[in-house]
Amino acid sequence: MKKNERLMLDFTAEGDSLAWTLDKIKNRLPIMLLRCEAEDVARSIDQRDIDAALPKIVAWAETKTHNRG
C-alpha cells in the first residue's frame, strides 16, 4: 500500500521550510519516493532532470510565497 506520511518540520531546527523543501527535492527525491513505496517512479528519475527542472520549481515556489499577503 502506498503511503502519504506527513512529518512536521521544526523551524528552529531546520529553518525556512521552502529552502528545506527545495534542498530535499534536489538531493533526496528518489529516496523519499522509495520510502512512500513509489519504487517505479524513484527508479525512473534522472538527477539531471531534477537539476534542469529545479530553477523552474524555485521560480514557481517563490511566486507562491510572495503572493500570500
PDB file of N, CA and C in Angstrom:
ATOM      1  N   MET A   1       0.842  -1.172   0.000  1.00  0.00           N
ATOM      2  CA  MET A   1       0.000   0.000   0.000  1.00  0.00           C
ATOM      3  C   MET A   1       0.895   1.245   0.000  1.00  0.00           C
ATOM      4  N   LYS A   2       0.617   2.163  -0.887  1.00  0.00           N
ATOM      5  CA  LYS A   2       1.369   3.418  -0.937  1.00  0.00           C
ATOM      6  C   LYS A   2       0.968   4.282   0.253  1.00  0.00           C
ATOM      7  N   LYS A   3       1.929   5.050   0.756  1.00  0.00           N
ATOM      8  CA  LYS A   3       1.705   5.849   1.956  1.00  0.00           C
ATOM      9  C   LYS A   3       1.783   7.331   1.643  1.00  0.00           C
ATOM     10  N   ASN A   4       1.081   8.101   2.416  1.00  0.00           N
ATOM     11  CA  ASN A   4       1.183   9.553   2.365  1.00  0.00           C
ATOM     12  C   ASN A   4       1.433  10.021   3.793  1.00  0.00           C
ATOM     13  N   GLU A   5       2.643   9.754   4.271  1.00  0.00           N
ATOM     14  CA  GLU A   5       3.002  10.074   5.646  1.00  0.00           C
ATOM     15  C   GLU A   5       3.465  11.518   5.727  1.00  0.00           C
ATOM     16  N   ARG A   6       2.943  12.244   6.695  1.00  0.00           N
ATOM     17  CA  ARG A   6       3.333  13.646   6.887  1.00  0.00           C
ATOM     18  C   ARG A   6       4.187  13.764   8.130  1.00  0.00           C
ATOM     19  N   LEU A   7       5.285  14.484   7.997  1.00  0.00           N
ATOM     20  CA  LEU A   7       6.177  14.739   9.119  1.00  0.00           C
ATOM     21  C   LEU A   7       6.246  16.241   9.315  1.00  0.00           C
ATOM     22  N   MET A   8       6.160  16.677  10.548  1.00  0.00           N
ATOM     23  CA  MET A   8       6.188  18.109  10.833  1.00  0.00           C
ATOM     24  C   MET A   8       7.626  18.624  10.795  1.00  0.00           C
ATOM     25  N   LEU A   9       7.802  19.837  10.311  1.00  0.00           N
ATOM     26  CA  LEU A   9       9.114  20.467  10.204  1.00  0.00           C
ATOM     27  C   LEU A   9       9.293  21.445  11.358  1.00  0.00           C
ATOM     28  N   ASP A  10      10.378  21.309  12.068  1.00  0.00           N
ATOM     29  CA  ASP A  10      10.691  22.194  13.189  1.00  0.00           C
ATOM     30  C   ASP A  10      11.497  23.380  12.663  1.00  0.00           C
ATOM     31  N   PHE A  11      10.887  24.565  12.623  1.00  0.00           N
ATOM     32  CA  PHE A  11      11.552  25.756  12.092  1.00  0.00           C
ATOM     33  C   PHE A  11      12.838  26.061  12.849  1.00  0.00           C
ATOM     34  N   THR A  12      12.827  25.862  14.162  1.00  0.00           N
ATOM     35  CA  THR A  12      14.013  26.151  14.968  1.00  0.00           C
ATOM     36  C   THR A  12      15.180  25.261  14.552  1.00  0.00           C
ATOM     37  N   ALA A  13      14.903  24.012  14.270  1.00  0.00           N
ATOM     38  CA  ALA A  13      15.961  23.068  13.904  1.00  0.00           C
ATOM     39  C   ALA A  13      16.341  23.152  12.433  1.00  0.00           C
ATOM     40  N   GLU A  14      15.367  23.385  11.559  1.00  0.00           N
ATOM     41  CA  GLU A  14      15.606  23.293  10.120  1.00  0.00           C
ATOM     42  C   GLU A  14      15.573  24.613   9.369  1.00  0.00           C
ATOM     43  N   GLY A  15      15.025  25.664   9.946  1.00  0.00           N
ATOM     44  CA  GLY A  15      14.979  26.950   9.262  1.00  0.00           C
ATOM     45  C   GLY A  15      13.814  27.051   8.289  1.00  0.00           C
ATOM     46  N   ASP A  16      13.988  27.864   7.279  1.00  0.00           N
ATOM     47  CA  ASP A  16      12.953  28.162   6.289  1.00  0.00           C
ATOM     48  C   ASP A  16      12.454  26.896   5.594  1.00  0.00           C
ATOM     49  N   SER A  17      11.151  26.700   5.597  1.00  0.00           N
ATOM     50  CA  SER A  17      10.588  25.473   5.024  1.00  0.00           C
ATOM     51  C   SER A  17      10.739  25.408   3.507  1.00  0.00           C
ATOM     52  N   LEU A  18      10.693  26.531   2.815  1.00  0.00           N
ATOM     53  CA  LEU A  18      10.861  26.500   1.361  1.00  0.00           C
ATOM     54  C   LEU A  18      12.280  26.073   0.998  1.00  0.00           C
ATOM     55  N   ALA A  19      13.261  26.651   1.641  1.00  0.00           N
ATOM     56  CA  ALA A  19      14.651  26.266   1.370  1.00  0.00           C
ATOM     57  C   ALA A  19      14.874  24.791   1.698  1.00  0.00           C
ATOM     58  N   TRP A  20      14.299  24.332   2.796  1.00  0.00           N
ATOM     59  CA  TRP A  20      14.421  22.929   3.196  1.00  0.00           C
ATOM     60  C   TRP A  20      13.806  22.021   2.136  1.00  0.00           C
ATOM     61  N   THR A  21      12.606  22.371   1.695  1.00  0.00           N
ATOM     62  CA  THR A  21      11.901  21.567   0.704  1.00  0.00           C
ATOM     63  C   THR A  21      12.667  21.490  -0.607  1.00  0.00           C
ATOM     64  N   LEU A  22      13.142  22.627  -1.083  1.00  0.00           N
ATOM     65  CA  LEU A  22      13.891  22.642  -2.343  1.00  0.00           C
ATOM     66  C   LEU A  22      15.172  21.826  -2.235  1.00  0.00           C
ATOM     67  N   ASP A  23      15.826  21.888  -1.083  1.00  0.00           N
ATOM     68  CA  ASP A  23      17.026  21.075  -0.868  1.00  0.00           C
ATOM     69  C   ASP A  23      16.695  19.591  -0.926  1.00  0.00           C
ATOM     70  N   LYS A  24      15.581  19.199  -0.322  1.00  0.00           N
ATOM     71  CA  LYS A  24      15.201  17.784  -0.329  1.00  0.00           C
ATOM     72  C   LYS A  24      14.807  17.323  -1.730  1.00  0.00           C
ATOM     73  N   ILE A  25      14.125  18.165  -2.498  1.00  0.00           N
ATOM     74  CA  ILE A  25      13.802  17.803  -3.881  1.00  0.00           C
ATOM     75  C   ILE A  25      15.089  17.592  -4.664  1.00  0.00           C
ATOM     76  N   LYS A  26      16.039  18.487  -4.491  1.00  0.00           N
ATOM     77  CA  LYS A  26      17.301  18.401  -5.230  1.00  0.00           C
ATOM     78  C   LYS A  26      18.134  17.196  -4.811  1.00  0.00           C
ATOM     79  N   ASN A  27      18.179  16.918  -3.521  1.00  0.00           N
ATOM     80  CA  ASN A  27      19.143  15.939  -3.022  1.00  0.00           C
ATOM     81  C   ASN A  27      18.571  14.608  -2.535  1.00  0.00           C
ATOM     82  N   ARG A  28      17.245  14.534  -2.320  1.00  0.00           N
ATOM     83  CA  ARG A  28      16.718  13.317  -1.703  1.00  0.00           C
ATOM     84  C   ARG A  28      15.416  12.802  -2.322  1.00  0.00           C
ATOM     85  N   LEU A  29      15.017  13.335  -3.454  1.00  0.00           N
ATOM     86  CA  LEU A  29      13.731  12.941  -4.033  1.00  0.00           C
ATOM     87  C   LEU A  29      13.614  11.429  -4.269  1.00  0.00           C
ATOM     88  N   PRO A  30      14.583  10.787  -4.900  1.00  0.00           N
ATOM     89  CA  PRO A  30      14.416   9.341  -5.124  1.00  0.00           C
ATOM     90  C   PRO A  30      14.249   8.536  -3.829  1.00  0.00           C
ATOM     91  N   ILE A  31      15.033   8.836  -2.808  1.00  0.00           N
ATOM     92  CA  ILE A  31      14.926   8.079  -1.554  1.00  0.00           C
ATOM     93  C   ILE A  31      13.595   8.352  -0.850  1.00  0.00           C
ATOM     94  N   MET A  32      13.074   9.568  -0.975  1.00  0.00           N
ATOM     95  CA  MET A  32      11.766   9.864  -0.389  1.00  0.00           C
ATOM     96  C   MET A  32      10.673   9.094  -1.123  1.00  0.00           C
ATOM     97  N   LEU A  33      10.798   8.979  -2.434  1.00  0.00           N
ATOM     98  CA  LEU A  33       9.819   8.212  -3.202  1.00  0.00           C
ATOM     99  C   LEU A  33       9.877   6.731  -2.840  1.00  0.00           C
ATOM    100  N   LEU A  34      11.084   6.218  -2.603  1.00  0.00           N
ATOM    101  CA  LEU A  34      11.202   4.825  -2.163  1.00  0.00           C
ATOM    102  C   LEU A  34      10.515   4.623  -0.816  1.00  0.00           C
ATOM    103  N   ARG A  35      10.664   5.581   0.074  1.00  0.00           N
ATOM    104  CA  ARG A  35      10.035   5.476   1.401  1.00  0.00           C
ATOM    105  C   ARG A  35       8.517   5.388   1.291  1.00  0.00           C
ATOM    106  N   CYS A  36       7.937   6.103   0.337  1.00  0.00           N
ATOM    107  CA  CYS A  36       6.473   6.065   0.195  1.00  0.00           C
ATOM    108  C   CYS A  36       6.035   4.998  -0.808  1.00  0.00           C
ATOM    109  N   GLU A  37       6.952   4.070  -1.069  1.00  0.00           N
ATOM    110  CA  GLU A  37       6.677   2.896  -1.896  1.00  0.00           C
ATOM    111  C   GLU A  37       6.332   3.229  -3.340  1.00  0.00           C
ATOM    112  N   ALA A  38       6.943   4.265  -3.878  1.00  0.00           N
ATOM    113  CA  ALA A  38       6.784   4.616  -5.297  1.00  0.00           C
ATOM    114  C   ALA A  38       8.067   4.231  -6.036  1.00  0.00           C
ATOM    115  N   GLU A  39       8.423   2.944  -5.928  1.00  0.00           N
ATOM    116  CA  GLU A  39       9.684   2.465  -6.480  1.00  0.00           C
ATOM    117  C   GLU A  39       9.805   2.717  -7.973  1.00  0.00           C
ATOM    118  N   ASP A  40       8.722   2.490  -8.701  1.00  0.00           N
ATOM    119  CA  ASP A  40       8.763   2.668 -10.150  1.00  0.00           C
ATOM    120  C   ASP A  40       9.116   4.100 -10.533  1.00  0.00           C
ATOM    121  N   VAL A  41       8.564   5.057  -9.827  1.00  0.00           N
ATOM    122  CA  VAL A  41       8.862   6.467 -10.092  1.00  0.00           C
ATOM    123  C   VAL A  41      10.286   6.789  -9.658  1.00  0.00           C
ATOM    124  N   ALA A  42      10.674   6.330  -8.472  1.00  0.00           N
ATOM    125  CA  ALA A  42      12.012   6.618  -7.939  1.00  0.00           C
ATOM    126  C   ALA A  42      13.105   6.102  -8.869  1.00  0.00           C
ATOM    127  N   ARG A  43      12.920   4.930  -9.396  1.00  0.00           N
ATOM    128  CA  ARG A  43      13.951   4.332 -10.248  1.00  0.00           C
ATOM    129  C   ARG A  43      14.003   4.955 -11.641  1.00  0.00           C
ATOM    130  N   SER A  44      12.956   5.651 -12.020  1.00  0.00           N
ATOM    131  CA  SER A  44      12.940   6.273 -13.350  1.00  0.00           C
ATOM    132  C   SER A  44      13.502   7.693 -13.348  1.00  0.00           C
ATOM    133  N   ILE A  45      13.807   8.229 -12.175  1.00  0.00           N
ATOM    134  CA  ILE A  45      14.280   9.613 -12.073  1.00  0.00           C
ATOM    135  C   ILE A  45      15.751   9.714 -12.438  1.00  0.00           C
ATOM    136  N   ASP A  46      16.055  10.691 -13.251  1.00  0.00           N
ATOM    137  CA  ASP A  46      17.437  11.012 -13.612  1.00  0.00           C
ATOM    138  C   ASP A  46      17.786  12.323 -12.906  1.00  0.00           C
ATOM    139  N   GLN A  47      18.864  12.325 -12.144  1.00  0.00           N
ATOM    140  CA  GLN A  47      19.258  13.516 -11.390  1.00  0.00           C
ATOM    141  C   GLN A  47      19.419  14.728 -12.299  1.00  0.00           C
ATOM    142  N   ARG A  48      19.835  14.515 -13.530  1.00  0.00           N
ATOM    143  CA  ARG A  48      19.987  15.641 -14.464  1.00  0.00           C
ATOM    144  C   ARG A  48      18.641  16.295 -14.753  1.00  0.00           C
ATOM    145  N   ASP A  49      17.584  15.503 -14.772  1.00  0.00           N
ATOM    146  CA  ASP A  49      16.243  16.067 -14.971  1.00  0.00           C
ATOM    147  C   ASP A  49      15.812  16.909 -13.771  1.00  0.00           C
ATOM    148  N   ILE A  50      16.132  16.439 -12.573  1.00  0.00           N
ATOM    149  CA  ILE A  50      15.831  17.222 -11.370  1.00  0.00           C
ATOM    150  C   ILE A  50      16.591  18.538 -11.419  1.00  0.00           C
ATOM    151  N   ASP A  51      17.888  18.460 -11.715  1.00  0.00           N
ATOM    152  CA  ASP A  51      18.719  19.667 -11.776  1.00  0.00           C
ATOM    153  C   ASP A  51      18.208  20.650 -12.823  1.00  0.00           C
ATOM    154  N   ALA A  52      17.737  20.134 -13.955  1.00  0.00           N
ATOM    155  CA  ALA A  52      17.228  21.007 -15.016  1.00  0.00           C
ATOM    156  C   ALA A  52      15.895  21.648 -14.630  1.00  0.00           C
ATOM    157  N   ALA A  53      15.069  20.922 -13.894  1.00  0.00           N
ATOM    158  CA  ALA A  53      13.743  21.429 -13.523  1.00  0.00           C
ATOM    159  C   ALA A  53      13.770  22.347 -12.311  1.00  0.00           C
ATOM    160  N   LEU A  54      14.779  22.221 -11.482  1.00  0.00           N
ATOM    161  CA  LEU A  54      14.796  22.949 -10.216  1.00  0.00           C
ATOM    162  C   LEU A  54      14.668  24.464 -10.354  1.00  0.00           C
ATOM    163  N   PRO A  55      15.334  25.123 -11.304  1.00  0.00           N
ATOM    164  CA  PRO A  55      15.141  26.579 -11.419  1.00  0.00           C
ATOM    165  C   PRO A  55      13.678  26.971 -11.661  1.00  0.00           C
ATOM    166  N   LYS A  56      12.950  26.183 -12.436  1.00  0.00           N
ATOM    167  CA  LYS A  56      11.533  26.469 -12.673  1.00  0.00           C
ATOM    168  C   LYS A  56      10.717  26.232 -11.405  1.00  0.00           C
ATOM    169  N   ILE A  57      11.062  25.193 -10.674  1.00  0.00           N
ATOM    170  CA  ILE A  57      10.369  24.907  -9.416  1.00  0.00           C
ATOM    171  C   ILE A  57      10.596  26.035  -8.420  1.00  0.00           C
ATOM    172  N   VAL A  58      11.836  26.500  -8.316  1.00  0.00           N
ATOM    173  CA  VAL A  58      12.173  27.604  -7.411  1.00  0.00           C
ATOM    174  C   VAL A  58      11.393  28.857  -7.794  1.00  0.00           C
ATOM    175  N   ALA A  59      11.389  29.196  -9.076  1.00  0.00           N
ATOM    176  CA  ALA A  59      10.679  30.394  -9.533  1.00  0.00           C
ATOM    177  C   ALA A  59       9.188  30.291  -9.221  1.00  0.00           C
ATOM    178  N   TRP A  60       8.594  29.131  -9.476  1.00  0.00           N
ATOM    179  CA  TRP A  60       7.176  28.931  -9.192  1.00  0.00           C
ATOM    180  C   TRP A  60       6.913  29.053  -7.693  1.00  0.00           C
ATOM    181  N   ALA A  61       7.732  28.391  -6.877  1.00  0.00           N
ATOM    182  CA  ALA A  61       7.537  28.415  -5.425  1.00  0.00           C
ATOM    183  C   ALA A  61       7.673  29.826  -4.872  1.00  0.00           C
ATOM    184  N   GLU A  62       8.616  30.579  -5.395  1.00  0.00           N
ATOM    185  CA  GLU A  62       8.802  31.949  -4.914  1.00  0.00           C
ATOM    186  C   GLU A  62       7.613  32.833  -5.255  1.00  0.00           C
ATOM    187  N   THR A  63       6.962  32.619  -6.394  1.00  0.00           N
ATOM    188  CA  THR A  63       5.763  33.404  -6.705  1.00  0.00           C
ATOM    189  C   THR A  63       4.645  33.065  -5.729  1.00  0.00           C
ATOM    190  N   LYS A  64       4.569  31.829  -5.298  1.00  0.00           N
ATOM    191  CA  LYS A  64       3.524  31.419  -4.348  1.00  0.00           C
ATOM    192  C   LYS A  64       3.757  32.036  -2.976  1.00  0.00           C
ATOM    193  N   THR A  65       5.004  32.109  -2.537  1.00  0.00           N
ATOM    194  CA  THR A  65       5.272  32.674  -1.216  1.00  0.00           C
ATOM    195  C   THR A  65       5.144  34.189  -1.224  1.00  0.00           C
ATOM    196  N   HIS A  66       5.460  34.839  -2.350  1.00  0.00           N
ATOM    197  CA  HIS A  66       5.362  36.298  -2.428  1.00  0.00           C
ATOM    198  C   HIS A  66       3.921  36.770  -2.600  1.00  0.00           C
ATOM    199  N   ASN A  67       3.048  35.909  -3.108  1.00  0.00           N
ATOM    200  CA  ASN A  67       1.659  36.292  -3.351  1.00  0.00           C
ATOM    201  C   ASN A  67       0.732  35.955  -2.187  1.00  0.00           C
ATOM    202  N   ARG A  68       1.263  35.560  -1.063  1.00  0.00           N
ATOM    203  CA  ARG A  68       0.427  35.187   0.085  1.00  0.00           C
ATOM    204  C   ARG A  68      -0.252  36.376   0.743  1.00  0.00           C
ATOM    205  N   GLY A  69       0.430  37.492   0.810  1.00  0.00           N
ATOM    206  CA  GLY A  69      -0.102  38.604   1.584  1.00  0.00           C
ATOM    207  C   GLY A  69      -0.789  39.548   0.737  1.00  0.00           C
TER     208      GLY A  69
END
